[in-house]
Amino acid sequence: MTPEQQKAKELVERFYMFTWTAVKAASNADAKQCALICVDEIDKELSYSFLFNDKRRIFYRNVKQEIQKL
């Protein structure tokens, strides 16, 4: 399995429990949880690279705080 395939599988599995509930009754909490997962994934990926990523990581950490406030 390629890294891209593995990441795709991981994300689908993580979103699975939120998407089926969203179909039954969409909620802001589900959308926030999905957004937080995405931001966490972006932050994790940026942590692997040392080139010009400090500003991006700060940006996404701030985005995460804003999502939590919604």
PDB file of N, CA and C in Angstrom:
ATOM      1  N   MET A   1       0.857  -1.174   0.000  1.00  0.00           N
ATOM      2  CA  MET A   1       0.000   0.000   0.000  1.00  0.00           C
ATOM      3  C   MET A   1       0.904   1.239   0.000  1.00  0.00           C
ATOM      4  N   THR A   2       0.613   2.176  -0.886  1.00  0.00           N
ATOM      5  CA  THR A   2       1.402   3.404  -0.953  1.00  0.00           C
ATOM      6  C   THR A   2       1.057   4.302   0.230  1.00  0.00           C
ATOM      7  N   PRO A   3       1.947   5.241   0.549  1.00  0.00           N
ATOM      8  CA  PRO A   3       1.632   6.184   1.627  1.00  0.00           C
ATOM      9  C   PRO A   3       0.334   6.957   1.365  1.00  0.00           C
ATOM     10  N   GLU A   4       0.095   7.304   0.102  1.00  0.00           N
ATOM     11  CA  GLU A   4      -1.117   8.030  -0.250  1.00  0.00           C
ATOM     12  C   GLU A   4      -2.361   7.189   0.003  1.00  0.00           C
ATOM     13  N   GLN A   5      -2.291   5.921  -0.339  1.00  0.00           N
ATOM     14  CA  GLN A   5      -3.413   5.021  -0.104  1.00  0.00           C
ATOM     15  C   GLN A   5      -3.655   4.825   1.391  1.00  0.00           C
ATOM     16  N   GLN A   6      -2.564   4.683   2.128  1.00  0.00           N
ATOM     17  CA  GLN A   6      -2.687   4.497   3.570  1.00  0.00           C
ATOM     18  C   GLN A   6      -3.330   5.714   4.236  1.00  0.00           C
ATOM     19  N   LYS A   7      -2.898   6.925   3.831  1.00  0.00           N
ATOM     20  CA  LYS A   7      -3.476   8.144   4.389  1.00  0.00           C
ATOM     21  C   LYS A   7      -4.957   8.250   4.017  1.00  0.00           C
ATOM     22  N   ALA A   8      -5.301   7.923   2.778  1.00  0.00           N
ATOM     23  CA  ALA A   8      -6.701   7.963   2.353  1.00  0.00           C
ATOM     24  C   ALA A   8      -7.542   7.013   3.204  1.00  0.00           C
ATOM     25  N   LYS A   9      -7.059   5.817   3.409  1.00  0.00           N
ATOM     26  CA  LYS A   9      -7.787   4.839   4.223  1.00  0.00           C
ATOM     27  C   LYS A   9      -7.944   5.336   5.654  1.00  0.00           C
ATOM     28  N   GLU A  10      -6.880   5.871   6.211  1.00  0.00           N
ATOM     29  CA  GLU A  10      -6.920   6.375   7.581  1.00  0.00           C
ATOM     30  C   GLU A  10      -7.962   7.490   7.731  1.00  0.00           C
ATOM     31  N   LEU A  11      -7.965   8.431   6.786  1.00  0.00           N
ATOM     32  CA  LEU A  11      -8.915   9.541   6.871  1.00  0.00           C
ATOM     33  C   LEU A  11     -10.355   9.062   6.721  1.00  0.00           C
ATOM     34  N   VAL A  12     -10.584   8.149   5.784  1.00  0.00           N
ATOM     35  CA  VAL A  12     -11.938   7.629   5.593  1.00  0.00           C
ATOM     36  C   VAL A  12     -12.410   6.940   6.866  1.00  0.00           C
ATOM     37  N   GLU A  13     -11.558   6.138   7.469  1.00  0.00           N
ATOM     38  CA  GLU A  13     -11.935   5.453   8.702  1.00  0.00           C
ATOM     39  C   GLU A  13     -12.222   6.442   9.826  1.00  0.00           C
ATOM     40  N   ARG A  14     -11.446   7.507   9.903  1.00  0.00           N
ATOM     41  CA  ARG A  14     -11.653   8.496  10.965  1.00  0.00           C
ATOM     42  C   ARG A  14     -12.940   9.283  10.772  1.00  0.00           C
ATOM     43  N   PHE A  15     -13.305   9.533   9.518  1.00  0.00           N
ATOM     44  CA  PHE A  15     -14.526  10.297   9.251  1.00  0.00           C
ATOM     45  C   PHE A  15     -15.777   9.426   9.230  1.00  0.00           C
ATOM     46  N   TYR A  16     -15.621   8.132   9.128  1.00  0.00           N
ATOM     47  CA  TYR A  16     -16.763   7.238   8.949  1.00  0.00           C
ATOM     48  C   TYR A  16     -17.841   7.453  10.007  1.00  0.00           C
ATOM     49  N   MET A  17     -17.467   7.445  11.272  1.00  0.00           N
ATOM     50  CA  MET A  17     -18.464   7.542  12.322  1.00  0.00           C
ATOM     51  C   MET A  17     -19.172   8.892  12.333  1.00  0.00           C
ATOM     52  N   PHE A  18     -18.565   9.917  11.751  1.00  0.00           N
ATOM     53  CA  PHE A  18     -19.209  11.234  11.700  1.00  0.00           C
ATOM     54  C   PHE A  18     -20.092  11.389  10.472  1.00  0.00           C
ATOM     55  N   THR A  19     -19.708  10.782   9.369  1.00  0.00           N
ATOM     56  CA  THR A  19     -20.504  10.974   8.155  1.00  0.00           C
ATOM     57  C   THR A  19     -21.837  10.258   8.231  1.00  0.00           C
ATOM     58  N   TRP A  20     -21.892   9.088   8.817  1.00  0.00           N
ATOM     59  CA  TRP A  20     -23.188   8.402   8.863  1.00  0.00           C
ATOM     60  C   TRP A  20     -24.154   9.121   9.788  1.00  0.00           C
ATOM     61  N   THR A  21     -23.654   9.735  10.859  1.00  0.00           N
ATOM     62  CA  THR A  21     -24.554  10.493  11.718  1.00  0.00           C
ATOM     63  C   THR A  21     -24.966  11.793  11.038  1.00  0.00           C
ATOM     64  N   ALA A  22     -24.082  12.363  10.245  1.00  0.00           N
ATOM     65  CA  ALA A  22     -24.398  13.606   9.545  1.00  0.00           C
ATOM     66  C   ALA A  22     -25.519  13.384   8.532  1.00  0.00           C
ATOM     67  N   VAL A  23     -25.566  12.210   7.925  1.00  0.00           N
ATOM     68  CA  VAL A  23     -26.624  11.909   6.972  1.00  0.00           C
ATOM     69  C   VAL A  23     -27.964  11.820   7.698  1.00  0.00           C
ATOM     70  N   LYS A  24     -27.971  11.218   8.866  1.00  0.00           N
ATOM     71  CA  LYS A  24     -29.217  11.089   9.632  1.00  0.00           C
ATOM     72  C   LYS A  24     -29.667  12.447  10.172  1.00  0.00           C
ATOM     73  N   ALA A  25     -28.758  13.176  10.751  1.00  0.00           N
ATOM     74  CA  ALA A  25     -29.085  14.490  11.306  1.00  0.00           C
ATOM     75  C   ALA A  25     -27.801  15.313  11.349  1.00  0.00           C
ATOM     76  N   ALA A  26     -27.617  16.120  10.340  1.00  0.00           N
ATOM     77  CA  ALA A  26     -26.402  16.928  10.266  1.00  0.00           C
ATOM     78  C   ALA A  26     -26.326  17.857  11.471  1.00  0.00           C
ATOM     79  N   SER A  27     -25.145  17.956  12.035  1.00  0.00           N
ATOM     80  CA  SER A  27     -24.986  18.843  13.178  1.00  0.00           C
ATOM     81  C   SER A  27     -23.694  19.623  13.056  1.00  0.00           C
ATOM     82  N   ASN A  28     -23.678  20.770  13.675  1.00  0.00           N
ATOM     83  CA  ASN A  28     -22.492  21.606  13.690  1.00  0.00           C
ATOM     84  C   ASN A  28     -21.357  20.904  14.430  1.00  0.00           C
ATOM     85  N   ALA A  29     -21.682  20.134  15.450  1.00  0.00           N
ATOM     86  CA  ALA A  29     -20.650  19.424  16.212  1.00  0.00           C
ATOM     87  C   ALA A  29     -19.914  18.424  15.337  1.00  0.00           C
ATOM     88  N   ASP A  30     -20.635  17.732  14.456  1.00  0.00           N
ATOM     89  CA  ASP A  30     -19.985  16.792  13.544  1.00  0.00           C
ATOM     90  C   ASP A  30     -19.051  17.522  12.587  1.00  0.00           C
ATOM     91  N   ALA A  31     -19.519  18.629  12.058  1.00  0.00           N
ATOM     92  CA  ALA A  31     -18.693  19.399  11.133  1.00  0.00           C
ATOM     93  C   ALA A  31     -17.441  19.927  11.822  1.00  0.00           C
ATOM     94  N   LYS A  32     -17.596  20.385  13.055  1.00  0.00           N
ATOM     95  CA  LYS A  32     -16.437  20.865  13.804  1.00  0.00           C
ATOM     96  C   LYS A  32     -15.437  19.744  14.049  1.00  0.00           C
ATOM     97  N   GLN A  33     -15.942  18.584  14.409  1.00  0.00           N
ATOM     98  CA  GLN A  33     -15.043  17.454  14.668  1.00  0.00           C
ATOM     99  C   GLN A  33     -14.257  17.084  13.416  1.00  0.00           C
ATOM    100  N   CYS A  34     -14.930  17.066  12.270  1.00  0.00           N
ATOM    101  CA  CYS A  34     -14.245  16.761  11.012  1.00  0.00           C
ATOM    102  C   CYS A  34     -13.184  17.814  10.692  1.00  0.00           C
ATOM    103  N   ALA A  35     -13.521  19.061  10.903  1.00  0.00           N
ATOM    104  CA  ALA A  35     -12.563  20.137  10.647  1.00  0.00           C
ATOM    105  C   ALA A  35     -11.356  20.030  11.577  1.00  0.00           C
ATOM    106  N   LEU A  36     -11.594  19.688  12.827  1.00  0.00           N
ATOM    107  CA  LEU A  36     -10.486  19.533  13.776  1.00  0.00           C
ATOM    108  C   LEU A  36      -9.571  18.374  13.389  1.00  0.00           C
ATOM    109  N   ILE A  37     -10.161  17.306  12.901  1.00  0.00           N
ATOM    110  CA  ILE A  37      -9.349  16.182  12.436  1.00  0.00           C
ATOM    111  C   ILE A  37      -8.463  16.629  11.276  1.00  0.00           C
ATOM    112  N   CYS A  38      -9.035  17.381  10.346  1.00  0.00           N
ATOM    113  CA  CYS A  38      -8.249  17.872   9.204  1.00  0.00           C
ATOM    114  C   CYS A  38      -7.094  18.758   9.657  1.00  0.00           C
ATOM    115  N   VAL A  39      -7.382  19.664  10.561  1.00  0.00           N
ATOM    116  CA  VAL A  39      -6.341  20.570  11.044  1.00  0.00           C
ATOM    117  C   VAL A  39      -5.248  19.794  11.772  1.00  0.00           C
ATOM    118  N   ASP A  40      -5.630  18.808  12.545  1.00  0.00           N
ATOM    119  CA  ASP A  40      -4.638  17.971  13.222  1.00  0.00           C
ATOM    120  C   ASP A  40      -3.755  17.232  12.224  1.00  0.00           C
ATOM    121  N   GLU A  41      -4.363  16.749  11.151  1.00  0.00           N
ATOM    122  CA  GLU A  41      -3.591  16.055  10.116  1.00  0.00           C
ATOM    123  C   GLU A  41      -2.607  17.004   9.419  1.00  0.00           C
ATOM    124  N   ILE A  42      -3.065  18.201   9.121  1.00  0.00           N
ATOM    125  CA  ILE A  42      -2.184  19.192   8.488  1.00  0.00           C
ATOM    126  C   ILE A  42      -1.021  19.514   9.411  1.00  0.00           C
ATOM    127  N   ASP A  43      -1.308  19.749  10.684  1.00  0.00           N
ATOM    128  CA  ASP A  43      -0.259  20.066  11.646  1.00  0.00           C
ATOM    129  C   ASP A  43       0.741  18.927  11.770  1.00  0.00           C
ATOM    130  N   LYS A  44       0.240  17.706  11.794  1.00  0.00           N
ATOM    131  CA  LYS A  44       1.133  16.549  11.896  1.00  0.00           C
ATOM    132  C   LYS A  44       2.050  16.455  10.679  1.00  0.00           C
ATOM    133  N   GLU A  45       1.488  16.660   9.495  1.00  0.00           N
ATOM    134  CA  GLU A  45       2.298  16.598   8.277  1.00  0.00           C
ATOM    135  C   GLU A  45       3.343  17.714   8.241  1.00  0.00           C
ATOM    136  N   LEU A  46       2.955  18.903   8.684  1.00  0.00           N
ATOM    137  CA  LEU A  46       3.912  20.013   8.697  1.00  0.00           C
ATOM    138  C   LEU A  46       5.040  19.774   9.689  1.00  0.00           C
ATOM    139  N   SER A  47       4.785  19.015  10.729  1.00  0.00           N
ATOM    140  CA  SER A  47       5.823  18.758  11.728  1.00  0.00           C
ATOM    141  C   SER A  47       6.948  17.897  11.173  1.00  0.00           C
ATOM    142  N   TYR A  48       6.692  17.186  10.071  1.00  0.00           N
ATOM    143  CA  TYR A  48       7.716  16.327   9.476  1.00  0.00           C
ATOM    144  C   TYR A  48       8.705  17.100   8.608  1.00  0.00           C
ATOM    145  N   SER A  49       8.358  18.304   8.230  1.00  0.00           N
ATOM    146  CA  SER A  49       9.205  19.111   7.369  1.00  0.00           C
ATOM    147  C   SER A  49       9.680  20.336   8.144  1.00  0.00           C
ATOM    148  N   PHE A  50      10.935  20.655   7.996  1.00  0.00           N
ATOM    149  CA  PHE A  50      11.503  21.758   8.765  1.00  0.00           C
ATOM    150  C   PHE A  50      11.611  23.059   7.974  1.00  0.00           C
ATOM    151  N   LEU A  51      11.258  23.055   6.712  1.00  0.00           N
ATOM    152  CA  LEU A  51      11.464  24.204   5.843  1.00  0.00           C
ATOM    153  C   LEU A  51      10.228  25.100   5.805  1.00  0.00           C
ATOM    154  N   PHE A  52      10.313  26.269   6.402  1.00  0.00           N
ATOM    155  CA  PHE A  52       9.271  27.301   6.337  1.00  0.00           C
ATOM    156  C   PHE A  52       7.910  26.868   6.903  1.00  0.00           C
ATOM    157  N   ASN A  53       7.907  25.934   7.817  1.00  0.00           N
ATOM    158  CA  ASN A  53       6.632  25.442   8.297  1.00  0.00           C
ATOM    159  C   ASN A  53       6.225  25.995   9.649  1.00  0.00           C
ATOM    160  N   ASP A  54       7.083  26.721  10.326  1.00  0.00           N
ATOM    161  CA  ASP A  54       6.718  27.257  11.634  1.00  0.00           C
ATOM    162  C   ASP A  54       5.519  28.201  11.541  1.00  0.00           C
ATOM    163  N   LYS A  55       5.520  29.092  10.556  1.00  0.00           N
ATOM    164  CA  LYS A  55       4.400  30.023  10.395  1.00  0.00           C
ATOM    165  C   LYS A  55       3.127  29.282  10.038  1.00  0.00           C
ATOM    166  N   ARG A  56       3.246  28.279   9.201  1.00  0.00           N
ATOM    167  CA  ARG A  56       2.070  27.492   8.821  1.00  0.00           C
ATOM    168  C   ARG A  56       1.518  26.736  10.014  1.00  0.00           C
ATOM    169  N   ARG A  57       2.384  26.171  10.827  1.00  0.00           N
ATOM    170  CA  ARG A  57       1.920  25.425  12.007  1.00  0.00           C
ATOM    171  C   ARG A  57       1.227  26.368  12.989  1.00  0.00           C
ATOM    172  N   ILE A  58       1.777  27.552  13.184  1.00  0.00           N
ATOM    173  CA  ILE A  58       1.131  28.534  14.068  1.00  0.00           C
ATOM    174  C   ILE A  58      -0.234  28.903  13.509  1.00  0.00           C
ATOM    175  N   PHE A  59      -0.289  29.121  12.184  1.00  0.00           N
ATOM    176  CA  PHE A  59      -1.555  29.453  11.541  1.00  0.00           C
ATOM    177  C   PHE A  59      -2.595  28.370  11.803  1.00  0.00           C
ATOM    178  N   TYR A  60      -2.252  27.108  11.576  1.00  0.00           N
ATOM    179  CA  TYR A  60      -3.216  26.028  11.748  1.00  0.00           C
ATOM    180  C   TYR A  60      -3.572  25.787  13.206  1.00  0.00           C
ATOM    181  N   ARG A  61      -2.669  26.056  14.103  1.00  0.00           N
ATOM    182  CA  ARG A  61      -3.010  25.958  15.522  1.00  0.00           C
ATOM    183  C   ARG A  61      -4.013  27.046  15.901  1.00  0.00           C
ATOM    184  N   ASN A  62      -3.846  28.215  15.310  1.00  0.00           N
ATOM    185  CA  ASN A  62      -4.818  29.280  15.532  1.00  0.00           C
ATOM    186  C   ASN A  62      -6.165  28.939  14.902  1.00  0.00           C
ATOM    187  N   VAL A  63      -6.128  28.341  13.731  1.00  0.00           N
ATOM    188  CA  VAL A  63      -7.358  27.897  13.082  1.00  0.00           C
ATOM    189  C   VAL A  63      -8.077  26.905  13.997  1.00  0.00           C
ATOM    190  N   LYS A  64      -7.347  25.994  14.573  1.00  0.00           N
ATOM    191  CA  LYS A  64      -7.942  24.999  15.474  1.00  0.00           C
ATOM    192  C   LYS A  64      -8.649  25.684  16.648  1.00  0.00           C
ATOM    193  N   GLN A  65      -8.004  26.682  17.216  1.00  0.00           N
ATOM    194  CA  GLN A  65      -8.623  27.415  18.331  1.00  0.00           C
ATOM    195  C   GLN A  65      -9.915  28.097  17.882  1.00  0.00           C
ATOM    196  N   GLU A  66      -9.901  28.638  16.679  1.00  0.00           N
ATOM    197  CA  GLU A  66     -11.103  29.304  16.163  1.00  0.00           C
ATOM    198  C   GLU A  66     -12.230  28.316  15.900  1.00  0.00           C
ATOM    199  N   ILE A  67     -11.897  27.156  15.417  1.00  0.00           N
ATOM    200  CA  ILE A  67     -12.910  26.125  15.203  1.00  0.00           C
ATOM    201  C   ILE A  67     -13.557  25.754  16.524  1.00  0.00           C
ATOM    202  N   GLN A  68     -12.745  25.615  17.552  1.00  0.00           N
ATOM    203  CA  GLN A  68     -13.256  25.230  18.856  1.00  0.00           C
ATOM    204  C   GLN A  68     -14.195  26.293  19.441  1.00  0.00           C
ATOM    205  N   LYS A  69     -13.995  27.535  19.050  1.00  0.00           N
ATOM    206  CA  LYS A  69     -14.840  28.628  19.540  1.00  0.00           C
ATOM    207  C   LYS A  69     -16.204  28.669  18.856  1.00  0.00           C
ATOM    208  N   LEU A  70     -16.292  28.076  17.673  1.00  0.00           N
ATOM    209  CA  LEU A  70     -17.552  28.134  16.904  1.00  0.00           C
ATOM    210  C   LEU A  70     -18.688  27.416  17.604  1.00  0.00           C
TER     211      LEU A  70
END
